[in-house]
Amino acid sequence: MSRYPEIEPYDHGMLDVGDGNRVYWETSGNPRGRPALVLHGGPGSSAGPNLRRYFDPAAYRIVLLDQRGAGRSTPPASDPATDMRVNTTAHLLADLERLRAHLGIERWLVWGVSWGSVLGLRYAQTHPGVVSELVLTGVATGSHAEVDLLTRGLGNIFPEAHERFLAALPAGERDGNLAAAYNRLLESPDPEVRERAAKAWTDWETATIPAPPGSVARFQDPVFRRGFARTVTHYWGNDHFLGDGGAGDAEVVLRDAHLLEGVPGTLVQGSLDFGNLLGIVWRLHHAWPGSELTIVDEAGHDAGQAGDDALVAATDRYARHGG
């Protein structure tokens, strides 16, 4: 089984979500089909056309959006004048609800990759009855432990790349929250400081999380690179803005997994995804009644062809039988 052929949107627009932000959205497939929302990764990436191909266009009304500051949404995070204080998980969740109301959708399947899986999980937990099913890949939960692993723990596996990653920071910034330290550089008034930090951050990411060639190529674009690195470090440096700031909030998605009971879910994960070193997807699966987990052997964060097959099989099954 492979992904469906390429299709073009039949409608698109820019939704005013407040705070001076306008979010790009598009719909493709069957206007009367089962609604499905696609959440891209990053945070700070964008919804590329290949994401439409995980759905049968005859069965689904496929909704893609670029999250605040990303892709075609405005203002872009790459612009240092853009106010990132109004780009948090709470803002993104509110944007999803505005978009759902704008499109006249009552319930929708939510498909998410990487950061999109964090956002999708929290959306389902905080908006009961709105999410009919979840299909997630490159699964993460936004915990502090995951960020610490990806910014510091993997230094034991990639010591040379990590040495370069640390060397780009001032000496006094190398012992604390590395994402927050990088974000401070990316908020510098000096454009050269911002550019060096963005390149060092994306160099580390490509060294540790092998990605499809298209994703690596985007990091060669300095505008994309600045917006992406600024957004990722903004979220990672603040525990993804999850919870209300109390003790244990960094694990709020796992803590609240029981709230997903009644929401069917499919998790597709590469066996070599470094997030598995913490057992995150396994813990989530066992804490979420009604979820199913597919582990793809010898695959990383991008679960590859076998992962694509499992994701398409899941959306096909939900199209035929629902949850």
C-alpha atoms as a PDB file:
ATOM      1  CA  MET A   1       0.000   0.000   0.000  1.00  0.00           C
ATOM      2  CA  SER A   2       1.302   3.474  -0.821  1.00  0.00           C
ATOM      3  CA  ARG A   3       0.108   7.002  -0.249  1.00  0.00           C
ATOM      4  CA  TYR A   4      -2.634   8.373  -2.470  1.00  0.00           C
ATOM      5  CA  PRO A   5      -1.758  10.410  -5.598  1.00  0.00           C
ATOM      6  CA  GLU A   6      -1.050  14.102  -5.345  1.00  0.00           C
ATOM      7  CA  ILE A   7      -4.087  16.384  -5.258  1.00  0.00           C
ATOM      8  CA  GLU A   8      -4.663  20.125  -5.142  1.00  0.00           C
ATOM      9  CA  PRO A   9      -6.834  22.059  -2.681  1.00  0.00           C
ATOM     10  CA  TYR A  10     -10.327  23.038  -3.769  1.00  0.00           C
ATOM     11  CA  ASP A  11     -10.427  25.894  -1.243  1.00  0.00           C
ATOM     12  CA  HIS A  12      -8.010  27.872   0.905  1.00  0.00           C
ATOM     13  CA  GLY A  13      -7.819  31.084   2.885  1.00  0.00           C
ATOM     14  CA  MET A  14      -6.233  33.146   5.633  1.00  0.00           C
ATOM     15  CA  LEU A  15      -8.086  33.017   8.958  1.00  0.00           C
ATOM     16  CA  ASP A  16      -7.785  35.970  11.347  1.00  0.00           C
ATOM     17  CA  VAL A  17      -7.115  34.351  14.730  1.00  0.00           C
ATOM     18  CA  GLY A  18      -6.404  37.532  16.652  1.00  0.00           C
ATOM     19  CA  ASP A  19      -3.218  39.047  18.084  1.00  0.00           C
ATOM     20  CA  GLY A  20      -2.366  40.275  14.601  1.00  0.00           C
ATOM     21  CA  ASN A  21      -2.031  36.689  13.325  1.00  0.00           C
ATOM     22  CA  ARG A  22      -3.569  35.198  10.195  1.00  0.00           C
ATOM     23  CA  VAL A  23      -3.384  31.443   9.725  1.00  0.00           C
ATOM     24  CA  TYR A  24      -3.225  29.782   6.309  1.00  0.00           C
ATOM     25  CA  TRP A  25      -5.660  26.893   5.784  1.00  0.00           C
ATOM     26  CA  GLU A  26      -6.703  24.722   2.872  1.00  0.00           C
ATOM     27  CA  THR A  27      -9.172  21.935   2.109  1.00  0.00           C
ATOM     28  CA  SER A  28      -8.814  19.136  -0.426  1.00  0.00           C
ATOM     29  CA  GLY A  29     -10.476  15.852  -1.240  1.00  0.00           C
ATOM     30  CA  ASN A  30     -14.256  15.426  -0.975  1.00  0.00           C
ATOM     31  CA  PRO A  31     -16.133  18.520   0.295  1.00  0.00           C
ATOM     32  CA  ARG A  32     -18.769  16.176   1.747  1.00  0.00           C
ATOM     33  CA  GLY A  33     -16.296  13.637   3.069  1.00  0.00           C
ATOM     34  CA  ARG A  34     -15.274  12.769   6.617  1.00  0.00           C
ATOM     35  CA  PRO A  35     -13.353  15.795   8.018  1.00  0.00           C
ATOM     36  CA  ALA A  36      -9.679  15.239   8.844  1.00  0.00           C
ATOM     37  CA  LEU A  37      -7.291  17.831  10.305  1.00  0.00           C
ATOM     38  CA  VAL A  38      -3.546  17.548   9.646  1.00  0.00           C
ATOM     39  CA  LEU A  39      -1.071  18.977  12.191  1.00  0.00           C
ATOM     40  CA  HIS A  40       2.492  19.502  10.989  1.00  0.00           C
ATOM     41  CA  GLY A  41       5.629  19.148  13.067  1.00  0.00           C
ATOM     42  CA  GLY A  42       8.325  21.478  14.276  1.00  0.00           C
ATOM     43  CA  PRO A  43       6.982  23.485  15.941  1.00  0.00           C
ATOM     44  CA  GLY A  44       7.585  25.937  13.129  1.00  0.00           C
ATOM     45  CA  SER A  45       7.566  23.706  10.063  1.00  0.00           C
ATOM     46  CA  SER A  46       4.603  23.866   7.636  1.00  0.00           C
ATOM     47  CA  ALA A  47       1.910  21.722   6.053  1.00  0.00           C
ATOM     48  CA  GLY A  48       3.428  20.410   2.829  1.00  0.00           C
ATOM     49  CA  PRO A  49       1.361  18.934  -0.010  1.00  0.00           C
ATOM     50  CA  ASN A  50       2.526  15.372   0.679  1.00  0.00           C
ATOM     51  CA  LEU A  51       0.539  15.391   3.911  1.00  0.00           C
ATOM     52  CA  ARG A  52      -2.692  15.331   1.857  1.00  0.00           C
ATOM     53  CA  ARG A  53      -1.691  11.936   0.492  1.00  0.00           C
ATOM     54  CA  TYR A  54      -2.331   9.988   3.712  1.00  0.00           C
ATOM     55  CA  PHE A  55      -6.075  10.185   3.040  1.00  0.00           C
ATOM     56  CA  ASP A  56      -8.424   8.752   0.433  1.00  0.00           C
ATOM     57  CA  PRO A  57      -9.531  11.950  -1.363  1.00  0.00           C
ATOM     58  CA  ALA A  58     -12.890  10.367  -2.199  1.00  0.00           C
ATOM     59  CA  ALA A  59     -13.601   9.663   1.470  1.00  0.00           C
ATOM     60  CA  TYR A  60     -12.085  12.621   3.325  1.00  0.00           C
ATOM     61  CA  ARG A  61     -12.414  16.383   3.518  1.00  0.00           C
ATOM     62  CA  ILE A  62      -8.732  17.031   4.233  1.00  0.00           C
ATOM     63  CA  VAL A  63      -7.879  20.186   6.184  1.00  0.00           C
ATOM     64  CA  LEU A  64      -4.299  21.451   6.396  1.00  0.00           C
ATOM     65  CA  LEU A  65      -3.086  24.571   8.155  1.00  0.00           C
ATOM     66  CA  ASP A  66       0.201  26.303   8.819  1.00  0.00           C
ATOM     67  CA  GLN A  67       0.395  27.006  12.535  1.00  0.00           C
ATOM     68  CA  ARG A  68       1.069  30.523  13.854  1.00  0.00           C
ATOM     69  CA  GLY A  69       4.246  32.023  12.469  1.00  0.00           C
ATOM     70  CA  ALA A  70       4.920  29.035  10.189  1.00  0.00           C
ATOM     71  CA  GLY A  71       4.757  28.508   6.450  1.00  0.00           C
ATOM     72  CA  ARG A  72       2.248  30.802   4.771  1.00  0.00           C
ATOM     73  CA  SER A  73       0.774  32.122   8.036  1.00  0.00           C
ATOM     74  CA  THR A  74       1.536  35.705   9.004  1.00  0.00           C
ATOM     75  CA  PRO A  75       3.414  37.351  10.540  1.00  0.00           C
ATOM     76  CA  PRO A  76       6.298  34.887  10.105  1.00  0.00           C
ATOM     77  CA  ALA A  77       8.447  33.800  13.029  1.00  0.00           C
ATOM     78  CA  SER A  78      11.468  34.543  10.846  1.00  0.00           C
ATOM     79  CA  ASP A  79      10.727  38.255  11.236  1.00  0.00           C
ATOM     80  CA  PRO A  80      12.382  39.408  14.487  1.00  0.00           C
ATOM     81  CA  ALA A  81       9.527  41.893  14.977  1.00  0.00           C
ATOM     82  CA  THR A  82       6.971  39.069  15.272  1.00  0.00           C
ATOM     83  CA  ASP A  83       5.698  38.797  18.850  1.00  0.00           C
ATOM     84  CA  MET A  84       6.257  35.214  19.999  1.00  0.00           C
ATOM     85  CA  ARG A  85       4.450  35.837  23.291  1.00  0.00           C
ATOM     86  CA  VAL A  86       1.205  35.164  21.407  1.00  0.00           C
ATOM     87  CA  ASN A  87       2.504  31.901  19.951  1.00  0.00           C
ATOM     88  CA  THR A  88       1.906  29.222  22.606  1.00  0.00           C
ATOM     89  CA  THR A  89       0.131  25.889  22.784  1.00  0.00           C
ATOM     90  CA  ALA A  90      -2.963  27.582  24.211  1.00  0.00           C
ATOM     91  CA  HIS A  91      -3.022  29.974  21.244  1.00  0.00           C
ATOM     92  CA  LEU A  92      -2.650  27.116  18.753  1.00  0.00           C
ATOM     93  CA  LEU A  93      -5.463  25.130  20.380  1.00  0.00           C
ATOM     94  CA  ALA A  94      -7.724  28.178  20.185  1.00  0.00           C
ATOM     95  CA  ASP A  95      -6.777  28.578  16.509  1.00  0.00           C
ATOM     96  CA  LEU A  96      -7.895  25.008  15.801  1.00  0.00           C
ATOM     97  CA  GLU A  97     -11.266  25.728  17.327  1.00  0.00           C
ATOM     98  CA  ARG A  98     -11.620  28.932  15.314  1.00  0.00           C
ATOM     99  CA  LEU A  99     -10.804  27.027  12.148  1.00  0.00           C
ATOM    100  CA  ARG A 100     -13.252  24.241  12.993  1.00  0.00           C
ATOM    101  CA  ALA A 101     -16.032  26.794  13.506  1.00  0.00           C
ATOM    102  CA  HIS A 102     -15.031  28.690  10.365  1.00  0.00           C
ATOM    103  CA  LEU A 103     -15.315  25.511   8.276  1.00  0.00           C
ATOM    104  CA  GLY A 104     -18.549  24.392   9.941  1.00  0.00           C
ATOM    105  CA  ILE A 105     -17.096  21.099  11.165  1.00  0.00           C
ATOM    106  CA  GLU A 106     -18.549  19.345  14.211  1.00  0.00           C
ATOM    107  CA  ARG A 107     -15.952  16.601  14.722  1.00  0.00           C
ATOM    108  CA  TRP A 108     -12.833  15.615  12.851  1.00  0.00           C
ATOM    109  CA  LEU A 109     -10.125  12.987  12.757  1.00  0.00           C
ATOM    110  CA  VAL A 110      -6.826  14.545  13.803  1.00  0.00           C
ATOM    111  CA  TRP A 111      -3.581  13.392  12.146  1.00  0.00           C
ATOM    112  CA  GLY A 112      -0.305  14.638  13.624  1.00  0.00           C
ATOM    113  CA  VAL A 113       3.421  14.138  13.112  1.00  0.00           C
ATOM    114  CA  SER A 114       6.116  14.829  15.738  1.00  0.00           C
ATOM    115  CA  TRP A 115       5.172  18.162  17.389  1.00  0.00           C
ATOM    116  CA  GLY A 116       1.818  17.742  15.633  1.00  0.00           C
ATOM    117  CA  SER A 117       1.261  14.616  17.722  1.00  0.00           C
ATOM    118  CA  VAL A 118       1.791  16.633  20.930  1.00  0.00           C
ATOM    119  CA  LEU A 119      -0.650  19.280  19.743  1.00  0.00           C
ATOM    120  CA  GLY A 120      -3.184  16.672  18.609  1.00  0.00           C
ATOM    121  CA  LEU A 121      -3.033  14.789  21.898  1.00  0.00           C
ATOM    122  CA  ARG A 122      -3.506  17.943  23.944  1.00  0.00           C
ATOM    123  CA  TYR A 123      -6.327  19.086  21.671  1.00  0.00           C
ATOM    124  CA  ALA A 124      -8.192  15.822  22.204  1.00  0.00           C
ATOM    125  CA  GLN A 125      -7.580  15.976  25.963  1.00  0.00           C
ATOM    126  CA  THR A 126      -8.842  19.542  26.358  1.00  0.00           C
ATOM    127  CA  HIS A 127     -11.699  19.508  23.821  1.00  0.00           C
ATOM    128  CA  PRO A 128     -13.726  16.352  24.500  1.00  0.00           C
ATOM    129  CA  GLY A 129     -16.136  15.330  21.790  1.00  0.00           C
ATOM    130  CA  VAL A 130     -14.387  17.292  19.024  1.00  0.00           C
ATOM    131  CA  VAL A 131     -11.813  14.667  17.977  1.00  0.00           C
ATOM    132  CA  SER A 132     -13.293  11.502  16.450  1.00  0.00           C
ATOM    133  CA  GLU A 133      -9.978   9.634  16.061  1.00  0.00           C
ATOM    134  CA  LEU A 134      -6.244  10.309  16.339  1.00  0.00           C
ATOM    135  CA  VAL A 135      -3.587   9.066  13.910  1.00  0.00           C
ATOM    136  CA  LEU A 136      -0.076   9.982  15.098  1.00  0.00           C
ATOM    137  CA  THR A 137       3.468   9.298  13.949  1.00  0.00           C
ATOM    138  CA  GLY A 138       6.917  10.308  15.190  1.00  0.00           C
ATOM    139  CA  VAL A 139       5.071  10.414  18.486  1.00  0.00           C
ATOM    140  CA  ALA A 140       6.121  12.850  21.207  1.00  0.00           C
ATOM    141  CA  THR A 141       4.427  14.261  24.299  1.00  0.00           C
ATOM    142  CA  GLY A 142       6.355  17.493  24.868  1.00  0.00           C
ATOM    143  CA  SER A 143       7.835  16.497  28.210  1.00  0.00           C
ATOM    144  CA  HIS A 144      10.937  18.102  29.711  1.00  0.00           C
ATOM    145  CA  ALA A 145      12.662  14.702  29.614  1.00  0.00           C
ATOM    146  CA  GLU A 146      12.213  14.508  25.826  1.00  0.00           C
ATOM    147  CA  VAL A 147      13.689  17.968  25.301  1.00  0.00           C
ATOM    148  CA  ASP A 148      16.602  17.176  27.611  1.00  0.00           C
ATOM    149  CA  LEU A 149      17.278  13.958  25.703  1.00  0.00           C
ATOM    150  CA  LEU A 150      17.225  15.682  22.308  1.00  0.00           C
ATOM    151  CA  THR A 151      19.388  18.630  23.358  1.00  0.00           C
ATOM    152  CA  ARG A 152      21.780  17.040  25.861  1.00  0.00           C
ATOM    153  CA  GLY A 153      21.373  13.268  26.222  1.00  0.00           C
ATOM    154  CA  LEU A 154      22.080  12.524  22.577  1.00  0.00           C
ATOM    155  CA  GLY A 155      25.468  14.146  23.052  1.00  0.00           C
ATOM    156  CA  ASN A 156      26.663  10.737  24.261  1.00  0.00           C
ATOM    157  CA  ILE A 157      25.714   9.253  20.877  1.00  0.00           C
ATOM    158  CA  PHE A 158      26.815  12.172  18.688  1.00  0.00           C
ATOM    159  CA  PRO A 159      29.700  13.672  20.683  1.00  0.00           C
ATOM    160  CA  GLU A 160      31.372  15.564  17.845  1.00  0.00           C
ATOM    161  CA  ALA A 161      28.143  17.202  16.661  1.00  0.00           C
ATOM    162  CA  HIS A 162      27.176  17.984  20.255  1.00  0.00           C
ATOM    163  CA  GLU A 163      30.509  19.645  20.898  1.00  0.00           C
ATOM    164  CA  ARG A 164      29.819  21.993  17.979  1.00  0.00           C
ATOM    165  CA  PHE A 165      26.261  22.525  19.268  1.00  0.00           C
ATOM    166  CA  LEU A 166      27.532  23.595  22.690  1.00  0.00           C
ATOM    167  CA  ALA A 167      30.379  25.664  21.256  1.00  0.00           C
ATOM    168  CA  ALA A 168      27.871  27.974  19.559  1.00  0.00           C
ATOM    169  CA  LEU A 169      26.602  29.048  22.998  1.00  0.00           C
ATOM    170  CA  PRO A 170      28.327  31.452  25.397  1.00  0.00           C
ATOM    171  CA  ALA A 171      30.318  29.489  27.979  1.00  0.00           C
ATOM    172  CA  GLY A 172      27.971  30.440  30.792  1.00  0.00           C
ATOM    173  CA  GLU A 173      24.905  29.118  28.911  1.00  0.00           C
ATOM    174  CA  ARG A 174      26.019  25.510  28.399  1.00  0.00           C
ATOM    175  CA  ASP A 175      24.885  23.954  31.682  1.00  0.00           C
ATOM    176  CA  GLY A 176      21.215  24.893  31.855  1.00  0.00           C
ATOM    177  CA  ASN A 177      18.240  24.675  29.507  1.00  0.00           C
ATOM    178  CA  LEU A 178      19.961  24.533  26.124  1.00  0.00           C
ATOM    179  CA  ALA A 179      16.821  25.268  24.098  1.00  0.00           C
ATOM    180  CA  ALA A 180      16.154  28.385  26.169  1.00  0.00           C
ATOM    181  CA  ALA A 181      19.788  29.454  25.791  1.00  0.00           C
ATOM    182  CA  TYR A 182      19.547  29.129  22.019  1.00  0.00           C
ATOM    183  CA  ASN A 183      16.260  31.012  22.019  1.00  0.00           C
ATOM    184  CA  ARG A 184      17.930  33.941  23.735  1.00  0.00           C
ATOM    185  CA  LEU A 185      20.440  34.063  20.879  1.00  0.00           C
ATOM    186  CA  LEU A 186      17.638  33.815  18.333  1.00  0.00           C
ATOM    187  CA  GLU A 187      15.951  36.815  19.965  1.00  0.00           C
ATOM    188  CA  SER A 188      19.149  38.875  19.784  1.00  0.00           C
ATOM    189  CA  PRO A 189      18.920  42.315  18.126  1.00  0.00           C
ATOM    190  CA  ASP A 190      22.065  41.385  16.170  1.00  0.00           C
ATOM    191  CA  PRO A 191      21.117  39.619  12.891  1.00  0.00           C
ATOM    192  CA  GLU A 192      24.502  37.866  12.690  1.00  0.00           C
ATOM    193  CA  VAL A 193      23.991  36.353  16.143  1.00  0.00           C
ATOM    194  CA  ARG A 194      20.529  35.154  15.105  1.00  0.00           C
ATOM    195  CA  GLU A 195      21.807  33.629  11.883  1.00  0.00           C
ATOM    196  CA  ARG A 196      24.704  31.768  13.551  1.00  0.00           C
ATOM    197  CA  ALA A 197      22.369  30.395  16.218  1.00  0.00           C
ATOM    198  CA  ALA A 198      19.789  29.255  13.670  1.00  0.00           C
ATOM    199  CA  LYS A 199      22.414  27.406  11.644  1.00  0.00           C
ATOM    200  CA  ALA A 200      23.975  25.774  14.715  1.00  0.00           C
ATOM    201  CA  TRP A 201      20.559  24.643  15.922  1.00  0.00           C
ATOM    202  CA  THR A 202      19.476  23.136  12.600  1.00  0.00           C
ATOM    203  CA  ASP A 203      22.911  21.539  12.095  1.00  0.00           C
ATOM    204  CA  TRP A 204      22.412  19.709  15.399  1.00  0.00           C
ATOM    205  CA  GLU A 205      18.907  18.643  14.446  1.00  0.00           C
ATOM    206  CA  THR A 206      19.975  17.221  11.100  1.00  0.00           C
ATOM    207  CA  ALA A 207      22.897  15.416  12.773  1.00  0.00           C
ATOM    208  CA  THR A 208      20.639  13.631  15.253  1.00  0.00           C
ATOM    209  CA  ILE A 209      17.284  13.202  13.533  1.00  0.00           C
ATOM    210  CA  PRO A 210      17.754  12.000   9.953  1.00  0.00           C
ATOM    211  CA  ALA A 211      15.031  13.546   7.820  1.00  0.00           C
ATOM    212  CA  PRO A 212      13.802  13.209   4.239  1.00  0.00           C
ATOM    213  CA  PRO A 213      15.948  15.149   1.733  1.00  0.00           C
ATOM    214  CA  GLY A 214      13.288  17.834   1.305  1.00  0.00           C
ATOM    215  CA  SER A 215      13.404  18.669   4.990  1.00  0.00           C
ATOM    216  CA  VAL A 216      17.187  18.960   5.011  1.00  0.00           C
ATOM    217  CA  ALA A 217      17.061  21.203   1.934  1.00  0.00           C
ATOM    218  CA  ARG A 218      14.732  23.612   3.722  1.00  0.00           C
ATOM    219  CA  PHE A 219      17.409  24.184   6.350  1.00  0.00           C
ATOM    220  CA  GLN A 220      19.591  25.656   3.606  1.00  0.00           C
ATOM    221  CA  ASP A 221      17.073  28.501   3.303  1.00  0.00           C
ATOM    222  CA  PRO A 222      18.143  31.097   5.891  1.00  0.00           C
ATOM    223  CA  VAL A 223      14.616  32.529   6.193  1.00  0.00           C
ATOM    224  CA  PHE A 224      13.048  29.148   6.914  1.00  0.00           C
ATOM    225  CA  ARG A 225      15.958  28.246   9.175  1.00  0.00           C
ATOM    226  CA  ARG A 226      15.535  31.360  11.322  1.00  0.00           C
ATOM    227  CA  GLY A 227      11.781  30.955  11.718  1.00  0.00           C
ATOM    228  CA  PHE A 228      12.011  27.234  12.424  1.00  0.00           C
ATOM    229  CA  ALA A 229      14.811  27.477  14.992  1.00  0.00           C
ATOM    230  CA  ARG A 230      13.192  30.446  16.719  1.00  0.00           C
ATOM    231  CA  THR A 231       9.865  28.628  17.047  1.00  0.00           C
ATOM    232  CA  VAL A 232      11.304  25.275  18.154  1.00  0.00           C
ATOM    233  CA  THR A 233      13.491  26.839  20.832  1.00  0.00           C
ATOM    234  CA  HIS A 234      10.623  29.081  21.966  1.00  0.00           C
ATOM    235  CA  TYR A 235       8.490  25.989  22.639  1.00  0.00           C
ATOM    236  CA  TRP A 236      11.213  23.610  23.837  1.00  0.00           C
ATOM    237  CA  GLY A 237      12.657  26.240  26.151  1.00  0.00           C
ATOM    238  CA  ASN A 238       9.256  26.670  27.841  1.00  0.00           C
ATOM    239  CA  ASP A 239       8.158  23.027  28.247  1.00  0.00           C
ATOM    240  CA  HIS A 240       5.934  23.498  25.176  1.00  0.00           C
ATOM    241  CA  PHE A 241       3.643  25.808  27.198  1.00  0.00           C
ATOM    242  CA  LEU A 242       1.786  22.785  28.541  1.00  0.00           C
ATOM    243  CA  GLY A 243      -0.334  22.905  31.682  1.00  0.00           C
ATOM    244  CA  ASP A 244      -0.648  25.837  34.060  1.00  0.00           C
ATOM    245  CA  GLY A 245       2.912  26.020  35.349  1.00  0.00           C
ATOM    246  CA  GLY A 246       2.450  23.710  38.322  1.00  0.00           C
ATOM    247  CA  ALA A 247       4.677  20.825  39.375  1.00  0.00           C
ATOM    248  CA  GLY A 248       4.691  17.989  36.881  1.00  0.00           C
ATOM    249  CA  ASP A 249       3.139  20.031  34.069  1.00  0.00           C
ATOM    250  CA  ALA A 250       5.930  19.085  31.697  1.00  0.00           C
ATOM    251  CA  GLU A 251       4.442  15.567  31.636  1.00  0.00           C
ATOM    252  CA  VAL A 252       0.845  16.739  31.399  1.00  0.00           C
ATOM    253  CA  VAL A 253       0.103  14.885  28.148  1.00  0.00           C
ATOM    254  CA  LEU A 254       1.122  11.540  29.646  1.00  0.00           C
ATOM    255  CA  ARG A 255      -0.535  12.384  32.953  1.00  0.00           C
ATOM    256  CA  ASP A 256      -3.828  13.092  31.206  1.00  0.00           C
ATOM    257  CA  ALA A 257      -3.713  10.109  28.827  1.00  0.00           C
ATOM    258  CA  HIS A 258      -6.786   8.660  30.570  1.00  0.00           C
ATOM    259  CA  LEU A 259      -8.805  11.557  29.155  1.00  0.00           C
ATOM    260  CA  LEU A 260      -8.379   9.971  25.711  1.00  0.00           C
ATOM    261  CA  GLU A 261     -10.586   7.036  26.664  1.00  0.00           C
ATOM    262  CA  GLY A 262     -13.270   6.738  24.024  1.00  0.00           C
ATOM    263  CA  VAL A 263     -11.082   8.323  21.326  1.00  0.00           C
ATOM    264  CA  PRO A 264      -9.726   5.575  19.042  1.00  0.00           C
ATOM    265  CA  GLY A 265      -6.094   6.131  18.178  1.00  0.00           C
ATOM    266  CA  THR A 266      -3.340   4.735  15.994  1.00  0.00           C
ATOM    267  CA  LEU A 267       0.330   5.318  16.892  1.00  0.00           C
ATOM    268  CA  VAL A 268       2.970   4.567  14.248  1.00  0.00           C
ATOM    269  CA  GLN A 269       6.556   4.721  15.481  1.00  0.00           C
ATOM    270  CA  GLY A 270       9.974   3.870  14.068  1.00  0.00           C
ATOM    271  CA  SER A 271      11.869   1.473  16.322  1.00  0.00           C
ATOM    272  CA  LEU A 272      15.007   3.650  16.014  1.00  0.00           C
ATOM    273  CA  ASP A 273      13.266   6.937  16.862  1.00  0.00           C
ATOM    274  CA  PHE A 274      15.364   8.367  19.692  1.00  0.00           C
ATOM    275  CA  GLY A 275      12.202   9.290  21.620  1.00  0.00           C
ATOM    276  CA  ASN A 276      11.836   5.552  22.214  1.00  0.00           C
ATOM    277  CA  LEU A 277      14.860   5.674  24.520  1.00  0.00           C
ATOM    278  CA  LEU A 278      12.479   7.112  27.128  1.00  0.00           C
ATOM    279  CA  GLY A 279       9.689   4.651  26.370  1.00  0.00           C
ATOM    280  CA  ILE A 280       7.338   7.566  25.667  1.00  0.00           C
ATOM    281  CA  VAL A 281       5.190   5.966  22.972  1.00  0.00           C
ATOM    282  CA  TRP A 282       4.972   2.700  24.943  1.00  0.00           C
ATOM    283  CA  ARG A 283       3.877   4.536  28.092  1.00  0.00           C
ATOM    284  CA  LEU A 284       1.325   6.557  26.151  1.00  0.00           C
ATOM    285  CA  HIS A 285      -0.106   3.481  24.453  1.00  0.00           C
ATOM    286  CA  HIS A 286      -0.568   1.641  27.752  1.00  0.00           C
ATOM    287  CA  ALA A 287      -2.107   4.671  29.460  1.00  0.00           C
ATOM    288  CA  TRP A 288      -4.551   5.323  26.592  1.00  0.00           C
ATOM    289  CA  PRO A 289      -7.447   2.866  26.494  1.00  0.00           C
ATOM    290  CA  GLY A 290      -8.396   2.069  22.912  1.00  0.00           C
ATOM    291  CA  SER A 291      -5.095   2.982  21.270  1.00  0.00           C
ATOM    292  CA  GLU A 292      -3.117   0.711  18.975  1.00  0.00           C
ATOM    293  CA  LEU A 293       0.639   0.854  18.456  1.00  0.00           C
ATOM    294  CA  THR A 294       2.566  -0.155  15.342  1.00  0.00           C
ATOM    295  CA  ILE A 295       6.355  -0.267  15.668  1.00  0.00           C
ATOM    296  CA  VAL A 296       8.212  -0.095  12.354  1.00  0.00           C
ATOM    297  CA  ASP A 297      11.502  -2.001  12.503  1.00  0.00           C
ATOM    298  CA  GLU A 298      14.741  -0.270  11.507  1.00  0.00           C
ATOM    299  CA  ALA A 299      13.066   3.111  11.011  1.00  0.00           C
ATOM    300  CA  GLY A 300      13.695   6.397  12.787  1.00  0.00           C
ATOM    301  CA  HIS A 301      11.637   9.513  13.468  1.00  0.00           C
ATOM    302  CA  ASP A 302      10.456   9.280   9.865  1.00  0.00           C
ATOM    303  CA  ALA A 303       8.970   5.772   9.854  1.00  0.00           C
ATOM    304  CA  GLY A 304       9.570   5.383   6.098  1.00  0.00           C
ATOM    305  CA  GLN A 305       7.552   3.405   3.587  1.00  0.00           C
ATOM    306  CA  ALA A 306       6.313   0.842   6.089  1.00  0.00           C
ATOM    307  CA  GLY A 307       5.196   3.675   8.346  1.00  0.00           C
ATOM    308  CA  ASP A 308       3.381   5.354   5.457  1.00  0.00           C
ATOM    309  CA  ASP A 309       1.618   2.069   4.736  1.00  0.00           C
ATOM    310  CA  ALA A 310       0.459   1.782   8.352  1.00  0.00           C
ATOM    311  CA  LEU A 311      -0.760   5.401   8.407  1.00  0.00           C
ATOM    312  CA  VAL A 312      -2.747   5.016   5.187  1.00  0.00           C
ATOM    313  CA  ALA A 313      -4.211   1.725   6.439  1.00  0.00           C
ATOM    314  CA  ALA A 314      -5.372   3.534   9.578  1.00  0.00           C
ATOM    315  CA  THR A 315      -7.085   6.414   7.757  1.00  0.00           C
ATOM    316  CA  ASP A 316      -8.676   3.938   5.316  1.00  0.00           C
ATOM    317  CA  ARG A 317     -10.010   1.879   8.213  1.00  0.00           C
ATOM    318  CA  TYR A 318     -11.437   4.904  10.009  1.00  0.00           C
ATOM    319  CA  ALA A 319     -13.044   6.071   6.752  1.00  0.00           C
ATOM    320  CA  ARG A 320     -14.838   2.731   6.407  1.00  0.00           C
ATOM    321  CA  HIS A 321     -15.722   1.956   9.989  1.00  0.00           C
ATOM    322  CA  GLY A 322     -15.093   5.049  12.075  1.00  0.00           C
ATOM    323  CA  GLY A 323     -13.649   4.412  15.515  1.00  0.00           C
END
